[in-house]
């Protein structure tokens, strides 16, 4: 989830995330799931919002082994690292100029 608090031309946000780290090396330090938060301070400059400061906060970590991996369910929407990612359709629906 994300929490945002606006105050004029500045804002604060807390975002929660989970990161999966997977390696061919069996070390538990390289194969883990970790929970984290970003604490961001945004500033609006010349009408554009941007992150002015970011703090990463580690919440928890769980080592995993290769036999604990599984594929994502096929009925889930897959993320992408290009403009075909579902985020761009959402932004476009808001009238964002992509």
PDB file of N, CA and C in Angstrom:
ATOM      1  N   UNK A   1       0.810  -1.174   0.000  1.00  0.00           N
ATOM      2  CA  UNK A   1       0.000   0.000   0.000  1.00  0.00           C
ATOM      3  C   UNK A   1       0.859   1.245   0.000  1.00  0.00           C
ATOM      4  N   UNK A   2       0.215   2.350  -0.262  1.00  0.00           N
ATOM      5  CA  UNK A   2       0.890   3.641  -0.305  1.00  0.00           C
ATOM      6  C   UNK A   2       0.080   4.632   0.513  1.00  0.00           C
ATOM      7  N   UNK A   3       0.763   5.427   1.318  1.00  0.00           N
ATOM      8  CA  UNK A   3       0.138   6.507   2.070  1.00  0.00           C
ATOM      9  C   UNK A   3       0.784   7.800   1.602  1.00  0.00           C
ATOM     10  N   UNK A   4      -0.036   8.800   1.236  1.00  0.00           N
ATOM     11  CA  UNK A   4       0.479  10.079   0.755  1.00  0.00           C
ATOM     12  C   UNK A   4      -0.144  11.192   1.584  1.00  0.00           C
ATOM     13  N   UNK A   5       0.663  12.175   1.950  1.00  0.00           N
ATOM     14  CA  UNK A   5       0.186  13.350   2.673  1.00  0.00           C
ATOM     15  C   UNK A   5       0.684  14.581   1.925  1.00  0.00           C
ATOM     16  N   UNK A   6      -0.250  15.405   1.418  1.00  0.00           N
ATOM     17  CA  UNK A   6       0.094  16.596   0.646  1.00  0.00           C
ATOM     18  C   UNK A   6       0.075  17.831   1.529  1.00  0.00           C
ATOM     19  N   UNK A   7       1.008  18.746   1.266  1.00  0.00           N
ATOM     20  CA  UNK A   7       1.057  20.024   1.976  1.00  0.00           C
ATOM     21  C   UNK A   7       1.593  21.073   1.006  1.00  0.00           C
ATOM     22  N   UNK A   8       0.709  21.599   0.164  1.00  0.00           N
ATOM     23  CA  UNK A   8       1.138  22.607  -0.808  1.00  0.00           C
ATOM     24  C   UNK A   8       2.012  22.005  -1.887  1.00  0.00           C
ATOM     25  N   UNK A   9       3.262  22.465  -1.966  1.00  0.00           N
ATOM     26  CA  UNK A   9       4.192  21.989  -2.989  1.00  0.00           C
ATOM     27  C   UNK A   9       5.135  20.899  -2.496  1.00  0.00           C
ATOM     28  N   UNK A  10       4.814  20.308  -1.344  1.00  0.00           N
ATOM     29  CA  UNK A  10       5.592  19.180  -0.830  1.00  0.00           C
ATOM     30  C   UNK A  10       4.623  18.076  -0.437  1.00  0.00           C
ATOM     31  N   UNK A  11       5.124  16.864  -0.436  1.00  0.00           N
ATOM     32  CA  UNK A  11       4.306  15.720  -0.044  1.00  0.00           C
ATOM     33  C   UNK A  11       5.216  14.665   0.557  1.00  0.00           C
ATOM     34  N   UNK A  12       4.637  13.845   1.402  1.00  0.00           N
ATOM     35  CA  UNK A  12       5.352  12.708   1.972  1.00  0.00           C
ATOM     36  C   UNK A  12       4.583  11.450   1.600  1.00  0.00           C
ATOM     37  N   UNK A  13       5.320  10.389   1.301  1.00  0.00           N
ATOM     38  CA  UNK A  13       4.677   9.128   0.938  1.00  0.00           C
ATOM     39  C   UNK A  13       5.422   7.971   1.577  1.00  0.00           C
ATOM     40  N   UNK A  14       4.651   6.976   1.983  1.00  0.00           N
ATOM     41  CA  UNK A  14       5.203   5.713   2.459  1.00  0.00           C
ATOM     42  C   UNK A  14       4.703   4.635   1.517  1.00  0.00           C
ATOM     43  N   UNK A  15       5.625   3.896   0.899  1.00  0.00           N
ATOM     44  CA  UNK A  15       5.281   2.818  -0.026  1.00  0.00           C
ATOM     45  C   UNK A  15       5.865   1.521   0.505  1.00  0.00           C
ATOM     46  N   UNK A  16       5.067   0.468   0.486  1.00  0.00           N
ATOM     47  CA  UNK A  16       5.527  -0.846   0.930  1.00  0.00           C
ATOM     48  C   UNK A  16       5.842  -1.715  -0.276  1.00  0.00           C
ATOM     49  N   UNK A  17       6.844  -2.557  -0.142  1.00  0.00           N
ATOM     50  CA  UNK A  17       7.195  -3.439  -1.244  1.00  0.00           C
ATOM     51  C   UNK A  17       7.776  -4.748  -0.755  1.00  0.00           C
ATOM     52  N   UNK A  18       7.841  -5.682  -1.674  1.00  0.00           N
ATOM     53  CA  UNK A  18       8.471  -6.974  -1.433  1.00  0.00           C
ATOM     54  C   UNK A  18       9.403  -7.230  -2.609  1.00  0.00           C
ATOM     55  N   UNK A  19      10.635  -7.579  -2.320  1.00  0.00           N
ATOM     56  CA  UNK A  19      11.616  -7.868  -3.365  1.00  0.00           C
ATOM     57  C   UNK A  19      12.050  -9.324  -3.262  1.00  0.00           C
ATOM     58  N   UNK A  20      12.161  -9.966  -4.411  1.00  0.00           N
ATOM     59  CA  UNK A  20      12.633 -11.346  -4.480  1.00  0.00           C
ATOM     60  C   UNK A  20      14.023 -11.326  -5.102  1.00  0.00           C
ATOM     61  N   UNK A  21      14.978 -11.894  -4.409  1.00  0.00           N
ATOM     62  CA  UNK A  21      16.356 -11.985  -4.897  1.00  0.00           C
ATOM     63  C   UNK A  21      16.649 -13.457  -5.159  1.00  0.00           C
ATOM     64  N   UNK A  22      17.038 -13.751  -6.388  1.00  0.00           N
ATOM     65  CA  UNK A  22      17.235 -15.141  -6.801  1.00  0.00           C
ATOM     66  C   UNK A  22      18.559 -15.262  -7.542  1.00  0.00           C
ATOM     67  N   UNK A  23      19.366 -16.237  -7.159  1.00  0.00           N
ATOM     68  CA  UNK A  23      20.684 -16.412  -7.749  1.00  0.00           C
ATOM     69  C   UNK A  23      20.971 -17.898  -7.954  1.00  0.00           C
ATOM     70  N   UNK A  24      21.844 -18.200  -8.908  1.00  0.00           N
ATOM     71  CA  UNK A  24      22.308 -19.578  -9.078  1.00  0.00           C
ATOM     72  C   UNK A  24      23.218 -19.998  -7.926  1.00  0.00           C
ATOM     73  N   UNK A  25      23.806 -19.017  -7.250  1.00  0.00           N
ATOM     74  CA  UNK A  25      24.620 -19.272  -6.066  1.00  0.00           C
ATOM     75  C   UNK A  25      23.665 -19.633  -4.920  1.00  0.00           C
ATOM     76  N   UNK A  26      23.869 -20.755  -4.227  1.00  0.00           N
ATOM     77  CA  UNK A  26      22.923 -21.179  -3.187  1.00  0.00           C
ATOM     78  C   UNK A  26      23.003 -20.382  -1.875  1.00  0.00           C
ATOM     79  N   UNK A  27      23.863 -19.397  -1.782  1.00  0.00           N
ATOM     80  CA  UNK A  27      24.003 -18.629  -0.541  1.00  0.00           C
ATOM     81  C   UNK A  27      22.671 -18.020  -0.115  1.00  0.00           C
ATOM     82  N   UNK A  28      22.296 -18.156   1.167  1.00  0.00           N
ATOM     83  CA  UNK A  28      21.033 -17.562   1.629  1.00  0.00           C
ATOM     84  C   UNK A  28      21.033 -16.037   1.550  1.00  0.00           C
ATOM     85  N   UNK A  29      22.205 -15.419   1.484  1.00  0.00           N
ATOM     86  CA  UNK A  29      22.273 -13.963   1.352  1.00  0.00           C
ATOM     87  C   UNK A  29      21.947 -13.510  -0.066  1.00  0.00           C
ATOM     88  N   UNK A  30      21.931 -14.445  -1.013  1.00  0.00           N
ATOM     89  CA  UNK A  30      21.636 -14.111  -2.406  1.00  0.00           C
ATOM     90  C   UNK A  30      20.287 -14.653  -2.860  1.00  0.00           C
ATOM     91  N   UNK A  31      19.635 -15.437  -2.026  1.00  0.00           N
ATOM     92  CA  UNK A  31      18.342 -16.038  -2.359  1.00  0.00           C
ATOM     93  C   UNK A  31      17.385 -15.777  -1.201  1.00  0.00           C
ATOM     94  N   UNK A  32      16.607 -14.724  -1.342  1.00  0.00           N
ATOM     95  CA  UNK A  32      15.734 -14.346  -0.243  1.00  0.00           C
ATOM     96  C   UNK A  32      14.578 -13.493  -0.738  1.00  0.00           C
ATOM     97  N   UNK A  33      13.593 -13.397   0.107  1.00  0.00           N
ATOM     98  CA  UNK A  33      12.476 -12.479  -0.087  1.00  0.00           C
ATOM     99  C   UNK A  33      12.578 -11.472   1.045  1.00  0.00           C
ATOM    100  N   UNK A  34      12.454 -10.205   0.719  1.00  0.00           N
ATOM    101  CA  UNK A  34      12.587  -9.178   1.744  1.00  0.00           C
ATOM    102  C   UNK A  34      11.468  -8.151   1.629  1.00  0.00           C
ATOM    103  N   UNK A  35      10.966  -7.725   2.758  1.00  0.00           N
ATOM    104  CA  UNK A  35       9.952  -6.677   2.803  1.00  0.00           C
ATOM    105  C   UNK A  35      10.618  -5.355   3.136  1.00  0.00           C
ATOM    106  N   UNK A  36      10.116  -4.286   2.532  1.00  0.00           N
ATOM    107  CA  UNK A  36      10.733  -2.984   2.751  1.00  0.00           C
ATOM    108  C   UNK A  36       9.701  -1.876   2.606  1.00  0.00           C
ATOM    109  N   UNK A  37      10.105  -0.687   3.009  1.00  0.00           N
ATOM    110  CA  UNK A  37       9.302   0.519   2.805  1.00  0.00           C
ATOM    111  C   UNK A  37      10.196   1.594   2.218  1.00  0.00           C
ATOM    112  N   UNK A  38       9.617   2.432   1.369  1.00  0.00           N
ATOM    113  CA  UNK A  38      10.271   3.662   0.944  1.00  0.00           C
ATOM    114  C   UNK A  38       9.552   4.812   1.634  1.00  0.00           C
ATOM    115  N   UNK A  39      10.314   5.698   2.234  1.00  0.00           N
ATOM    116  CA  UNK A  39       9.788   6.934   2.800  1.00  0.00           C
ATOM    117  C   UNK A  39      10.279   8.056   1.892  1.00  0.00           C
ATOM    118  N   UNK A  40       9.359   8.661   1.147  1.00  0.00           N
ATOM    119  CA  UNK A  40       9.719   9.646   0.136  1.00  0.00           C
ATOM    120  C   UNK A  40       9.201  11.029   0.484  1.00  0.00           C
ATOM    121  N   UNK A  41      10.022  12.014   0.199  1.00  0.00           N
ATOM    122  CA  UNK A  41       9.609  13.415   0.255  1.00  0.00           C
ATOM    123  C   UNK A  41       9.572  13.896  -1.190  1.00  0.00           C
ATOM    124  N   UNK A  42       8.406  14.328  -1.624  1.00  0.00           N
ATOM    125  CA  UNK A  42       8.222  14.851  -2.972  1.00  0.00           C
ATOM    126  C   UNK A  42       8.186  16.371  -2.926  1.00  0.00           C
ATOM    127  N   UNK A  43       8.635  16.985  -4.003  1.00  0.00           N
ATOM    128  CA  UNK A  43       8.507  18.430  -4.168  1.00  0.00           C
ATOM    129  C   UNK A  43       7.975  18.712  -5.564  1.00  0.00           C
ATOM    130  N   UNK A  44       7.103  19.715  -5.648  1.00  0.00           N
ATOM    131  CA  UNK A  44       6.601  20.148  -6.951  1.00  0.00           C
ATOM    132  C   UNK A  44       7.407  21.373  -7.360  1.00  0.00           C
ATOM    133  N   UNK A  45       8.102  21.237  -8.487  1.00  0.00           N
ATOM    134  CA  UNK A  45       8.926  22.327  -9.015  1.00  0.00           C
ATOM    135  C   UNK A  45       8.488  22.606 -10.442  1.00  0.00           C
ATOM    136  N   UNK A  46       8.151  23.832 -10.712  1.00  0.00           N
ATOM    137  CA  UNK A  46       7.676  24.228 -12.048  1.00  0.00           C
ATOM    138  C   UNK A  46       6.527  23.334 -12.506  1.00  0.00           C
ATOM    139  N   UNK A  47       5.651  22.964 -11.572  1.00  0.00           N
ATOM    140  CA  UNK A  47       4.474  22.173 -11.898  1.00  0.00           C
ATOM    141  C   UNK A  47       4.697  20.677 -12.001  1.00  0.00           C
ATOM    142  N   UNK A  48       5.920  20.207 -11.766  1.00  0.00           N
ATOM    143  CA  UNK A  48       6.232  18.785 -11.887  1.00  0.00           C
ATOM    144  C   UNK A  48       6.617  18.213 -10.527  1.00  0.00           C
ATOM    145  N   UNK A  49       5.962  17.102 -10.151  1.00  0.00           N
ATOM    146  CA  UNK A  49       6.285  16.421  -8.902  1.00  0.00           C
ATOM    147  C   UNK A  49       7.464  15.479  -9.122  1.00  0.00           C
ATOM    148  N   UNK A  50       8.380  15.451  -8.163  1.00  0.00           N
ATOM    149  CA  UNK A  50       9.518  14.534  -8.225  1.00  0.00           C
ATOM    150  C   UNK A  50       9.953  14.186  -6.807  1.00  0.00           C
ATOM    151  N   UNK A  51      10.601  13.036  -6.681  1.00  0.00           N
ATOM    152  CA  UNK A  51      11.144  12.638  -5.386  1.00  0.00           C
ATOM    153  C   UNK A  51      12.361  13.504  -5.091  1.00  0.00           C
ATOM    154  N   UNK A  52      12.323  14.195  -3.959  1.00  0.00           N
ATOM    155  CA  UNK A  52      13.444  15.036  -3.538  1.00  0.00           C
ATOM    156  C   UNK A  52      14.361  14.283  -2.579  1.00  0.00           C
ATOM    157  N   UNK A  53      13.784  13.337  -1.840  1.00  0.00           N
ATOM    158  CA  UNK A  53      14.565  12.569  -0.869  1.00  0.00           C
ATOM    159  C   UNK A  53      13.895  11.217  -0.669  1.00  0.00           C
ATOM    160  N   UNK A  54      14.693  10.166  -0.586  1.00  0.00           N
ATOM    161  CA  UNK A  54      14.152   8.816  -0.381  1.00  0.00           C
ATOM    162  C   UNK A  54      14.965   8.091   0.680  1.00  0.00           C
ATOM    163  N   UNK A  55      14.255   7.439   1.601  1.00  0.00           N
ATOM    164  CA  UNK A  55      14.877   6.585   2.605  1.00  0.00           C
ATOM    165  C   UNK A  55      14.306   5.185   2.442  1.00  0.00           C
ATOM    166  N   UNK A  56      15.166   4.198   2.314  1.00  0.00           N
ATOM    167  CA  UNK A  56      14.739   2.806   2.252  1.00  0.00           C
ATOM    168  C   UNK A  56      14.811   2.187   3.635  1.00  0.00           C
ATOM    169  N   UNK A  57      13.745   1.519   4.041  1.00  0.00           N
ATOM    170  CA  UNK A  57      13.667   0.912   5.366  1.00  0.00           C
ATOM    171  C   UNK A  57      13.436  -0.587   5.195  1.00  0.00           C
ATOM    172  N   UNK A  58      14.367  -1.403   5.673  1.00  0.00           N
ATOM    173  CA  UNK A  58      14.205  -2.859   5.618  1.00  0.00           C
ATOM    174  C   UNK A  58      13.288  -3.295   6.753  1.00  0.00           C
ATOM    175  N   UNK A  59      12.301  -4.130   6.433  1.00  0.00           N
ATOM    176  CA  UNK A  59      11.347  -4.587   7.442  1.00  0.00           C
ATOM    177  C   UNK A  59      11.594  -6.030   7.861  1.00  0.00           C
ATOM    178  N   UNK A  60      11.842  -6.904   6.890  1.00  0.00           N
ATOM    179  CA  UNK A  60      12.064  -8.316   7.194  1.00  0.00           C
ATOM    180  C   UNK A  60      12.726  -8.994   5.999  1.00  0.00           C
ATOM    181  N   UNK A  61      13.336 -10.146   6.230  1.00  0.00           N
ATOM    182  CA  UNK A  61      13.929 -10.956   5.162  1.00  0.00           C
ATOM    183  C   UNK A  61      13.700 -12.425   5.476  1.00  0.00           C
ATOM    184  N   UNK A  62      13.527 -13.209   4.424  1.00  0.00           N
ATOM    185  CA  UNK A  62      13.296 -14.642   4.567  1.00  0.00           C
ATOM    186  C   UNK A  62      14.139 -15.373   3.534  1.00  0.00           C
ATOM    187  N   UNK A  63      15.143 -16.154   3.963  1.00  0.00           N
ATOM    188  CA  UNK A  63      15.926 -16.918   2.988  1.00  0.00           C
ATOM    189  C   UNK A  63      15.066 -18.018   2.371  1.00  0.00           C
ATOM    190  N   UNK A  64      15.316 -18.314   1.097  1.00  0.00           N
ATOM    191  CA  UNK A  64      14.578 -19.372   0.410  1.00  0.00           C
ATOM    192  C   UNK A  64      15.553 -20.222  -0.394  1.00  0.00           C
ATOM    193  N   UNK A  65      15.168 -21.454  -0.623  1.00  0.00           N
ATOM    194  CA  UNK A  65      16.006 -22.372  -1.392  1.00  0.00           C
ATOM    195  C   UNK A  65      15.354 -22.633  -2.746  1.00  0.00           C
ATOM    196  N   UNK A  66      16.133 -23.178  -3.677  1.00  0.00           N
ATOM    197  CA  UNK A  66      15.656 -23.389  -5.047  1.00  0.00           C
ATOM    198  C   UNK A  66      14.383 -24.231  -5.102  1.00  0.00           C
ATOM    199  N   UNK A  67      14.218 -25.177  -4.196  1.00  0.00           N
ATOM    200  CA  UNK A  67      13.020 -26.023  -4.230  1.00  0.00           C
ATOM    201  C   UNK A  67      11.768 -25.291  -3.736  1.00  0.00           C
ATOM    202  N   UNK A  68      11.930 -24.062  -3.248  1.00  0.00           N
ATOM    203  CA  UNK A  68      10.786 -23.275  -2.787  1.00  0.00           C
ATOM    204  C   UNK A  68      10.276 -22.292  -3.841  1.00  0.00           C
ATOM    205  N   UNK A  69      10.927 -22.208  -5.004  1.00  0.00           N
ATOM    206  CA  UNK A  69      10.487 -21.297  -6.066  1.00  0.00           C
ATOM    207  C   UNK A  69       9.285 -21.877  -6.784  1.00  0.00           C
ATOM    208  N   UNK A  70       8.431 -21.035  -7.266  1.00  0.00           N
ATOM    209  CA  UNK A  70       7.313 -21.472  -8.096  1.00  0.00           C
ATOM    210  C   UNK A  70       7.033 -20.393  -9.126  1.00  0.00           C
ATOM    211  N   UNK A  71       6.406 -20.793 -10.220  1.00  0.00           N
ATOM    212  CA  UNK A  71       6.051 -19.845 -11.269  1.00  0.00           C
ATOM    213  C   UNK A  71       4.802 -19.075 -10.867  1.00  0.00           C
ATOM    214  N   UNK A  72       4.693 -17.851 -11.366  1.00  0.00           N
ATOM    215  CA  UNK A  72       3.500 -17.044 -11.107  1.00  0.00           C
ATOM    216  C   UNK A  72       2.294 -17.712 -11.761  1.00  0.00           C
ATOM    217  N   UNK A  73       1.126 -17.587 -11.155  1.00  0.00           N
ATOM    218  CA  UNK A  73      -0.079 -18.166 -11.763  1.00  0.00           C
ATOM    219  C   UNK A  73      -0.313 -17.592 -13.164  1.00  0.00           C
ATOM    220  N   UNK A  74      -0.759 -18.428 -14.074  1.00  0.00           N
ATOM    221  CA  UNK A  74      -0.936 -17.997 -15.463  1.00  0.00           C
ATOM    222  C   UNK A  74      -2.096 -17.022 -15.635  1.00  0.00           C
ATOM    223  N   UNK A  75      -3.004 -16.932 -14.659  1.00  0.00           N
ATOM    224  CA  UNK A  75      -4.123 -15.997 -14.786  1.00  0.00           C
ATOM    225  C   UNK A  75      -3.791 -14.604 -14.241  1.00  0.00           C
ATOM    226  N   UNK A  76      -2.553 -14.378 -13.797  1.00  0.00           N
ATOM    227  CA  UNK A  76      -2.128 -13.054 -13.343  1.00  0.00           C
ATOM    228  C   UNK A  76      -1.601 -12.250 -14.525  1.00  0.00           C
ATOM    229  N   UNK A  77      -1.785 -10.950 -14.470  1.00  0.00           N
ATOM    230  CA  UNK A  77      -1.233 -10.071 -15.497  1.00  0.00           C
ATOM    231  C   UNK A  77       0.269  -9.955 -15.253  1.00  0.00           C
ATOM    232  N   UNK A  78       1.047 -10.164 -16.286  1.00  0.00           N
ATOM    233  CA  UNK A  78       2.504 -10.113 -16.153  1.00  0.00           C
ATOM    234  C   UNK A  78       3.004  -8.679 -16.314  1.00  0.00           C
ATOM    235  N   UNK A  79       3.909  -8.283 -15.436  1.00  0.00           N
ATOM    236  CA  UNK A  79       4.539  -6.976 -15.564  1.00  0.00           C
ATOM    237  C   UNK A  79       5.612  -7.005 -16.642  1.00  0.00           C
ATOM    238  N   UNK A  80       5.918  -5.833 -17.169  1.00  0.00           N
ATOM    239  CA  UNK A  80       6.940  -5.704 -18.212  1.00  0.00           C
ATOM    240  C   UNK A  80       7.794  -4.485 -17.906  1.00  0.00           C
ATOM    241  N   UNK A  81       8.932  -4.400 -18.517  1.00  0.00           N
ATOM    242  CA  UNK A  81       9.815  -3.249 -18.336  1.00  0.00           C
ATOM    243  C   UNK A  81       9.826  -2.389 -19.596  1.00  0.00           C
ATOM    244  N   UNK A  82       8.633  -2.159 -20.143  1.00  0.00           N
ATOM    245  CA  UNK A  82       8.492  -1.289 -21.306  1.00  0.00           C
ATOM    246  C   UNK A  82       7.085  -0.694 -21.294  1.00  0.00           C
ATOM    247  N   UNK A  83       6.708   0.002 -22.359  1.00  0.00           N
ATOM    248  CA  UNK A  83       5.404   0.673 -22.394  1.00  0.00           C
ATOM    249  C   UNK A  83       4.221  -0.285 -22.547  1.00  0.00           C
ATOM    250  N   UNK A  84       4.466  -1.580 -22.628  1.00  0.00           N
ATOM    251  CA  UNK A  84       3.376  -2.554 -22.629  1.00  0.00           C
ATOM    252  C   UNK A  84       2.986  -2.975 -21.210  1.00  0.00           C
ATOM    253  N   UNK A  85       3.690  -2.438 -20.196  1.00  0.00           N
ATOM    254  CA  UNK A  85       3.326  -2.722 -18.811  1.00  0.00           C
ATOM    255  C   UNK A  85       1.944  -2.124 -18.533  1.00  0.00           C
ATOM    256  N   UNK A  86       1.098  -2.802 -17.747  1.00  0.00           N
ATOM    257  CA  UNK A  86      -0.247  -2.299 -17.458  1.00  0.00           C
ATOM    258  C   UNK A  86      -0.279  -0.895 -16.845  1.00  0.00           C
ATOM    259  N   UNK A  87       0.803  -0.458 -16.228  1.00  0.00           N
ATOM    260  CA  UNK A  87       0.837   0.891 -15.661  1.00  0.00           C
ATOM    261  C   UNK A  87       0.568   1.950 -16.724  1.00  0.00           C
ATOM    262  N   UNK A  88       1.094   1.749 -17.925  1.00  0.00           N
ATOM    263  CA  UNK A  88       0.943   2.764 -18.966  1.00  0.00           C
ATOM    264  C   UNK A  88      -0.502   2.895 -19.432  1.00  0.00           C
ATOM    265  N   UNK A  89      -1.245   1.809 -19.437  1.00  0.00           N
ATOM    266  CA  UNK A  89      -2.674   1.892 -19.769  1.00  0.00           C
ATOM    267  C   UNK A  89      -3.407   2.684 -18.688  1.00  0.00           C
ATOM    268  N   UNK A  90      -3.053   2.455 -17.427  1.00  0.00           N
ATOM    269  CA  UNK A  90      -3.672   3.197 -16.332  1.00  0.00           C
ATOM    270  C   UNK A  90      -3.359   4.684 -16.451  1.00  0.00           C
ATOM    271  N   UNK A  91      -2.090   5.016 -16.664  1.00  0.00           N
ATOM    272  CA  UNK A  91      -1.711   6.422 -16.801  1.00  0.00           C
ATOM    273  C   UNK A  91      -2.396   7.060 -18.004  1.00  0.00           C
ATOM    274  N   UNK A  92      -2.492   6.317 -19.096  1.00  0.00           N
ATOM    275  CA  UNK A  92      -3.178   6.827 -20.285  1.00  0.00           C
ATOM    276  C   UNK A  92      -4.643   7.111 -20.014  1.00  0.00           C
ATOM    277  N   UNK A  93      -5.276   6.293 -19.166  1.00  0.00           N
ATOM    278  CA  UNK A  93      -6.689   6.509 -18.842  1.00  0.00           C
ATOM    279  C   UNK A  93      -6.892   7.793 -18.043  1.00  0.00           C
ATOM    280  N   UNK A  94      -5.820   8.299 -17.446  1.00  0.00           N
ATOM    281  CA  UNK A  94      -5.882   9.558 -16.700  1.00  0.00           C
ATOM    282  C   UNK A  94      -5.536  10.752 -17.577  1.00  0.00           C
ATOM    283  N   UNK A  95      -5.219  10.473 -18.839  1.00  0.00           N
ATOM    284  CA  UNK A  95      -4.852  11.543 -19.757  1.00  0.00           C
ATOM    285  C   UNK A  95      -3.386  11.907 -19.697  1.00  0.00           C
ATOM    286  N   UNK A  96      -2.569  11.047 -19.101  1.00  0.00           N
ATOM    287  CA  UNK A  96      -1.136  11.328 -19.008  1.00  0.00           C
ATOM    288  C   UNK A  96      -0.513  11.297 -20.394  1.00  0.00           C
ATOM    289  N   UNK A  97       0.388  12.230 -20.642  1.00  0.00           N
ATOM    290  CA  UNK A  97       1.098  12.291 -21.919  1.00  0.00           C
ATOM    291  C   UNK A  97       2.304  11.372 -21.845  1.00  0.00           C
ATOM    292  N   UNK A  98       2.200  10.225 -22.509  1.00  0.00           N
ATOM    293  CA  UNK A  98       3.267   9.233 -22.440  1.00  0.00           C
ATOM    294  C   UNK A  98       4.132   9.336 -23.660  1.00  0.00           C
TER     295      UNK A  98
END
